[in-house]
Amino acid sequence: MATDGVKIIDGDLARDTYDQIMDLYDSDANIETIRKEVPFVKDNYGPDTDFYHEIFVTSYALVS
């Protein structure tokens, strides 16, 4: 994962998550579809669970 700036949204995973949520929203997907496609809570975020959880929380917050 690369981080291209000082903000957490500047990272690849955060940008991809944000863009995926916005693409679904722009295509008139309802909230249940978005939650299913991009789940807020995941069973396994990866090797650094806290870091990846923070990325998903930030991405979701920026969308709202």
PDB file of N, CA and C in Angstrom:
ATOM      1  N   MET A   1       0.841  -1.160   0.000  1.00  0.00           N
ATOM      2  CA  MET A   1       0.000   0.000   0.000  1.00  0.00           C
ATOM      3  C   MET A   1       0.891   1.229   0.000  1.00  0.00           C
ATOM      4  N   ALA A   2       0.615   2.121  -0.882  1.00  0.00           N
ATOM      5  CA  ALA A   2       1.388   3.360  -0.962  1.00  0.00           C
ATOM      6  C   ALA A   2       0.586   4.505  -0.366  1.00  0.00           C
ATOM      7  N   THR A   3       1.288   5.425   0.239  1.00  0.00           N
ATOM      8  CA  THR A   3       0.670   6.647   0.727  1.00  0.00           C
ATOM      9  C   THR A   3       1.325   7.796  -0.017  1.00  0.00           C
ATOM     10  N   ASP A   4       0.508   8.561  -0.734  1.00  0.00           N
ATOM     11  CA  ASP A   4       1.040   9.599  -1.598  1.00  0.00           C
ATOM     12  C   ASP A   4       1.005  10.990  -0.973  1.00  0.00           C
ATOM     13  N   GLY A   5       0.530  11.111   0.247  1.00  0.00           N
ATOM     14  CA  GLY A   5       0.456  12.404   0.908  1.00  0.00           C
ATOM     15  C   GLY A   5       0.355  12.231   2.406  1.00  0.00           C
ATOM     16  N   VAL A   6       0.052  13.302   3.086  1.00  0.00           N
ATOM     17  CA  VAL A   6       0.013  13.264   4.538  1.00  0.00           C
ATOM     18  C   VAL A   6      -1.339  12.835   5.092  1.00  0.00           C
ATOM     19  N   LYS A   7      -2.368  12.855   4.288  1.00  0.00           N
ATOM     20  CA  LYS A   7      -3.700  12.472   4.746  1.00  0.00           C
ATOM     21  C   LYS A   7      -3.894  10.973   4.548  1.00  0.00           C
ATOM     22  N   ILE A   8      -4.704  10.364   5.414  1.00  0.00           N
ATOM     23  CA  ILE A   8      -4.931   8.926   5.300  1.00  0.00           C
ATOM     24  C   ILE A   8      -5.644   8.572   3.988  1.00  0.00           C
ATOM     25  N   ILE A   9      -6.444   9.500   3.459  1.00  0.00           N
ATOM     26  CA  ILE A   9      -7.156   9.231   2.207  1.00  0.00           C
ATOM     27  C   ILE A   9      -6.191   9.221   1.019  1.00  0.00           C
ATOM     28  N   ASP A  10      -4.970   9.678   1.218  1.00  0.00           N
ATOM     29  CA  ASP A  10      -3.976   9.675   0.154  1.00  0.00           C
ATOM     30  C   ASP A  10      -3.414   8.282  -0.125  1.00  0.00           C
ATOM     31  N   GLY A  11      -3.728   7.321   0.703  1.00  0.00           N
ATOM     32  CA  GLY A  11      -3.252   5.960   0.477  1.00  0.00           C
ATOM     33  C   GLY A  11      -4.112   5.231  -0.543  1.00  0.00           C
ATOM     34  N   ASP A  12      -3.540   4.232  -1.186  1.00  0.00           N
ATOM     35  CA  ASP A  12      -4.236   3.472  -2.223  1.00  0.00           C
ATOM     36  C   ASP A  12      -5.502   2.800  -1.708  1.00  0.00           C
ATOM     37  N   LEU A  13      -5.408   2.121  -0.575  1.00  0.00           N
ATOM     38  CA  LEU A  13      -6.563   1.394  -0.046  1.00  0.00           C
ATOM     39  C   LEU A  13      -7.688   2.350   0.336  1.00  0.00           C
ATOM     40  N   ALA A  14      -7.347   3.465   0.961  1.00  0.00           N
ATOM     41  CA  ALA A  14      -8.365   4.445   1.341  1.00  0.00           C
ATOM     42  C   ALA A  14      -9.028   5.043   0.109  1.00  0.00           C
ATOM     43  N   ARG A  15      -8.253   5.396  -0.878  1.00  0.00           N
ATOM     44  CA  ARG A  15      -8.805   5.972  -2.109  1.00  0.00           C
ATOM     45  C   ARG A  15      -9.671   4.952  -2.837  1.00  0.00           C
ATOM     46  N   ASP A  16      -9.213   3.709  -2.911  1.00  0.00           N
ATOM     47  CA  ASP A  16     -10.001   2.664  -3.577  1.00  0.00           C
ATOM     48  C   ASP A  16     -11.326   2.428  -2.856  1.00  0.00           C
ATOM     49  N   THR A  17     -11.293   2.408  -1.527  1.00  0.00           N
ATOM     50  CA  THR A  17     -12.513   2.207  -0.741  1.00  0.00           C
ATOM     51  C   THR A  17     -13.467   3.370  -0.946  1.00  0.00           C
ATOM     52  N   TYR A  18     -12.965   4.578  -0.852  1.00  0.00           N
ATOM     53  CA  TYR A  18     -13.773   5.782  -1.055  1.00  0.00           C
ATOM     54  C   TYR A  18     -14.396   5.776  -2.454  1.00  0.00           C
ATOM     55  N   ASP A  19     -13.579   5.512  -3.463  1.00  0.00           N
ATOM     56  CA  ASP A  19     -14.071   5.516  -4.842  1.00  0.00           C
ATOM     57  C   ASP A  19     -15.123   4.431  -5.072  1.00  0.00           C
ATOM     58  N   GLN A  20     -14.923   3.267  -4.484  1.00  0.00           N
ATOM     59  CA  GLN A  20     -15.885   2.180  -4.654  1.00  0.00           C
ATOM     60  C   GLN A  20     -17.236   2.563  -4.042  1.00  0.00           C
ATOM     61  N   ILE A  21     -17.214   3.150  -2.863  1.00  0.00           N
ATOM     62  CA  ILE A  21     -18.460   3.582  -2.224  1.00  0.00           C
ATOM     63  C   ILE A  21     -19.134   4.658  -3.073  1.00  0.00           C
ATOM     64  N   MET A  22     -18.373   5.636  -3.548  1.00  0.00           N
ATOM     65  CA  MET A  22     -18.942   6.722  -4.343  1.00  0.00           C
ATOM     66  C   MET A  22     -19.471   6.228  -5.683  1.00  0.00           C
ATOM     67  N   ASP A  23     -18.794   5.266  -6.297  1.00  0.00           N
ATOM     68  CA  ASP A  23     -19.289   4.698  -7.557  1.00  0.00           C
ATOM     69  C   ASP A  23     -20.636   4.019  -7.353  1.00  0.00           C
ATOM     70  N   LEU A  24     -20.759   3.280  -6.262  1.00  0.00           N
ATOM     71  CA  LEU A  24     -22.040   2.631  -5.961  1.00  0.00           C
ATOM     72  C   LEU A  24     -23.120   3.683  -5.700  1.00  0.00           C
ATOM     73  N   TYR A  25     -22.791   4.707  -4.943  1.00  0.00           N
ATOM     74  CA  TYR A  25     -23.747   5.776  -4.645  1.00  0.00           C
ATOM     75  C   TYR A  25     -24.180   6.483  -5.932  1.00  0.00           C
ATOM     76  N   ASP A  26     -23.212   6.789  -6.788  1.00  0.00           N
ATOM     77  CA  ASP A  26     -23.513   7.476  -8.043  1.00  0.00           C
ATOM     78  C   ASP A  26     -24.368   6.632  -8.979  1.00  0.00           C
ATOM     79  N   SER A  27     -24.303   5.320  -8.825  1.00  0.00           N
ATOM     80  CA  SER A  27     -25.133   4.439  -9.661  1.00  0.00           C
ATOM     81  C   SER A  27     -26.463   4.120  -8.982  1.00  0.00           C
ATOM     82  N   ASP A  28     -26.831   4.954  -7.976  1.00  0.00           N
ATOM     83  CA  ASP A  28     -28.124   4.847  -7.272  1.00  0.00           C
ATOM     84  C   ASP A  28     -28.287   3.573  -6.450  1.00  0.00           C
ATOM     85  N   ALA A  29     -27.186   3.009  -5.987  1.00  0.00           N
ATOM     86  CA  ALA A  29     -27.277   1.847  -5.102  1.00  0.00           C
ATOM     87  C   ALA A  29     -27.810   2.300  -3.746  1.00  0.00           C
ATOM     88  N   ASN A  30     -28.620   1.465  -3.132  1.00  0.00           N
ATOM     89  CA  ASN A  30     -29.127   1.819  -1.806  1.00  0.00           C
ATOM     90  C   ASN A  30     -28.074   1.474  -0.750  1.00  0.00           C
ATOM     91  N   ILE A  31     -28.309   1.918   0.468  1.00  0.00           N
ATOM     92  CA  ILE A  31     -27.314   1.749   1.532  1.00  0.00           C
ATOM     93  C   ILE A  31     -27.034   0.280   1.831  1.00  0.00           C
ATOM     94  N   GLU A  32     -28.051  -0.560   1.731  1.00  0.00           N
ATOM     95  CA  GLU A  32     -27.831  -1.992   1.988  1.00  0.00           C
ATOM     96  C   GLU A  32     -26.900  -2.605   0.947  1.00  0.00           C
ATOM     97  N   THR A  33     -27.040  -2.201  -0.297  1.00  0.00           N
ATOM     98  CA  THR A  33     -26.154  -2.698  -1.350  1.00  0.00           C
ATOM     99  C   THR A  33     -24.727  -2.229  -1.107  1.00  0.00           C
ATOM    100  N   ILE A  34     -24.588  -0.969  -0.728  1.00  0.00           N
ATOM    101  CA  ILE A  34     -23.252  -0.431  -0.453  1.00  0.00           C
ATOM    102  C   ILE A  34     -22.622  -1.169   0.727  1.00  0.00           C
ATOM    103  N   ARG A  35     -23.388  -1.390   1.774  1.00  0.00           N
ATOM    104  CA  ARG A  35     -22.858  -2.113   2.944  1.00  0.00           C
ATOM    105  C   ARG A  35     -22.445  -3.534   2.599  1.00  0.00           C
ATOM    106  N   LYS A  36     -23.192  -4.154   1.681  1.00  0.00           N
ATOM    107  CA  LYS A  36     -22.877  -5.519   1.275  1.00  0.00           C
ATOM    108  C   LYS A  36     -21.612  -5.556   0.405  1.00  0.00           C
ATOM    109  N   GLU A  37     -21.501  -4.586  -0.502  1.00  0.00           N
ATOM    110  CA  GLU A  37     -20.361  -4.551  -1.417  1.00  0.00           C
ATOM    111  C   GLU A  37     -19.073  -4.082  -0.735  1.00  0.00           C
ATOM    112  N   VAL A  38     -19.210  -3.123   0.161  1.00  0.00           N
ATOM    113  CA  VAL A  38     -18.052  -2.564   0.859  1.00  0.00           C
ATOM    114  C   VAL A  38     -18.368  -2.607   2.353  1.00  0.00           C
ATOM    115  N   PRO A  39     -18.221  -3.753   2.983  1.00  0.00           N
ATOM    116  CA  PRO A  39     -18.586  -3.872   4.401  1.00  0.00           C
ATOM    117  C   PRO A  39     -17.729  -2.988   5.294  1.00  0.00           C
ATOM    118  N   PHE A  40     -18.393  -2.324   6.224  1.00  0.00           N
ATOM    119  CA  PHE A  40     -17.688  -1.441   7.158  1.00  0.00           C
ATOM    120  C   PHE A  40     -16.832  -2.249   8.128  1.00  0.00           C
ATOM    121  N   VAL A  41     -17.394  -3.309   8.644  1.00  0.00           N
ATOM    122  CA  VAL A  41     -16.672  -4.176   9.579  1.00  0.00           C
ATOM    123  C   VAL A  41     -16.278  -5.440   8.833  1.00  0.00           C
ATOM    124  N   LYS A  42     -15.008  -5.735   8.841  1.00  0.00           N
ATOM    125  CA  LYS A  42     -14.504  -6.935   8.190  1.00  0.00           C
ATOM    126  C   LYS A  42     -13.937  -7.871   9.238  1.00  0.00           C
ATOM    127  N   ASP A  43     -13.986  -9.151   8.942  1.00  0.00           N
ATOM    128  CA  ASP A  43     -13.423 -10.137   9.859  1.00  0.00           C
ATOM    129  C   ASP A  43     -11.902 -10.058   9.902  1.00  0.00           C
ATOM    130  N   ASN A  44     -11.303  -9.758   8.771  1.00  0.00           N
ATOM    131  CA  ASN A  44      -9.852  -9.747   8.698  1.00  0.00           C
ATOM    132  C   ASN A  44      -9.404  -8.577   7.827  1.00  0.00           C
ATOM    133  N   TYR A  45      -8.870  -7.549   8.428  1.00  0.00           N
ATOM    134  CA  TYR A  45      -8.382  -6.388   7.688  1.00  0.00           C
ATOM    135  C   TYR A  45      -6.998  -6.618   7.103  1.00  0.00           C
ATOM    136  N   GLY A  46      -6.279  -7.531   7.661  1.00  0.00           N
ATOM    137  CA  GLY A  46      -4.921  -7.764   7.202  1.00  0.00           C
ATOM    138  C   GLY A  46      -3.978  -7.866   8.384  1.00  0.00           C
ATOM    139  N   PRO A  47      -2.684  -7.795   8.105  1.00  0.00           N
ATOM    140  CA  PRO A  47      -1.696  -8.002   9.171  1.00  0.00           C
ATOM    141  C   PRO A  47      -1.721  -6.918  10.253  1.00  0.00           C
ATOM    142  N   ASP A  48      -2.065  -5.703   9.906  1.00  0.00           N
ATOM    143  CA  ASP A  48      -2.093  -4.603  10.874  1.00  0.00           C
ATOM    144  C   ASP A  48      -3.542  -4.144  11.034  1.00  0.00           C
ATOM    145  N   THR A  49      -4.303  -4.891  11.818  1.00  0.00           N
ATOM    146  CA  THR A  49      -5.745  -4.712  11.929  1.00  0.00           C
ATOM    147  C   THR A  49      -6.142  -3.286  12.291  1.00  0.00           C
ATOM    148  N   ASP A  50      -5.507  -2.682  13.279  1.00  0.00           N
ATOM    149  CA  ASP A  50      -5.871  -1.331  13.698  1.00  0.00           C
ATOM    150  C   ASP A  50      -5.663  -0.309  12.588  1.00  0.00           C
ATOM    151  N   PHE A  51      -4.574  -0.439  11.877  1.00  0.00           N
ATOM    152  CA  PHE A  51      -4.277   0.493  10.784  1.00  0.00           C
ATOM    153  C   PHE A  51      -5.320   0.395   9.686  1.00  0.00           C
ATOM    154  N   TYR A  52      -5.639  -0.824   9.263  1.00  0.00           N
ATOM    155  CA  TYR A  52      -6.611  -1.014   8.190  1.00  0.00           C
ATOM    156  C   TYR A  52      -8.022  -0.623   8.631  1.00  0.00           C
ATOM    157  N   HIS A  53      -8.356  -0.872   9.875  1.00  0.00           N
ATOM    158  CA  HIS A  53      -9.658  -0.452  10.388  1.00  0.00           C
ATOM    159  C   HIS A  53      -9.769   1.070  10.333  1.00  0.00           C
ATOM    160  N   GLU A  54      -8.713   1.766  10.687  1.00  0.00           N
ATOM    161  CA  GLU A  54      -8.710   3.230  10.637  1.00  0.00           C
ATOM    162  C   GLU A  54      -8.910   3.735   9.208  1.00  0.00           C
ATOM    163  N   ILE A  55      -8.328   3.053   8.245  1.00  0.00           N
ATOM    164  CA  ILE A  55      -8.497   3.429   6.844  1.00  0.00           C
ATOM    165  C   ILE A  55      -9.964   3.300   6.437  1.00  0.00           C
ATOM    166  N   PHE A  56     -10.604   2.181   6.790  1.00  0.00           N
ATOM    167  CA  PHE A  56     -12.006   1.981   6.424  1.00  0.00           C
ATOM    168  C   PHE A  56     -12.911   2.984   7.137  1.00  0.00           C
ATOM    169  N   VAL A  57     -12.668   3.250   8.404  1.00  0.00           N
ATOM    170  CA  VAL A  57     -13.474   4.221   9.149  1.00  0.00           C
ATOM    171  C   VAL A  57     -13.333   5.606   8.507  1.00  0.00           C
ATOM    172  N   THR A  58     -12.120   5.996   8.168  1.00  0.00           N
ATOM    173  CA  THR A  58     -11.886   7.299   7.558  1.00  0.00           C
ATOM    174  C   THR A  58     -12.543   7.395   6.188  1.00  0.00           C
ATOM    175  N   SER A  59     -12.443   6.352   5.398  1.00  0.00           N
ATOM    176  CA  SER A  59     -13.060   6.361   4.074  1.00  0.00           C
ATOM    177  C   SER A  59     -14.566   6.499   4.167  1.00  0.00           C
ATOM    178  N   TYR A  60     -15.175   5.738   5.054  1.00  0.00           N
ATOM    179  CA  TYR A  60     -16.624   5.838   5.262  1.00  0.00           C
ATOM    180  C   TYR A  60     -17.007   7.228   5.762  1.00  0.00           C
ATOM    181  N   ALA A  61     -16.218   7.789   6.667  1.00  0.00           N
ATOM    182  CA  ALA A  61     -16.533   9.114   7.206  1.00  0.00           C
ATOM    183  C   ALA A  61     -16.445  10.187   6.125  1.00  0.00           C
ATOM    184  N   LEU A  62     -15.478  10.089   5.251  1.00  0.00           N
ATOM    185  CA  LEU A  62     -15.337  11.074   4.196  1.00  0.00           C
ATOM    186  C   LEU A  62     -16.461  10.996   3.177  1.00  0.00           C
ATOM    187  N   VAL A  63     -17.031   9.835   3.014  1.00  0.00           N
ATOM    188  CA  VAL A  63     -18.147   9.672   2.080  1.00  0.00           C
ATOM    189  C   VAL A  63     -19.398  10.353   2.604  1.00  0.00           C
ATOM    190  N   SER A  64     -19.601  10.292   3.912  1.00  0.00           N
ATOM    191  CA  SER A  64     -20.861  10.803   4.471  1.00  0.00           C
ATOM    192  C   SER A  64     -20.938  12.298   4.542  1.00  0.00           C
TER     193      SER A  64
END
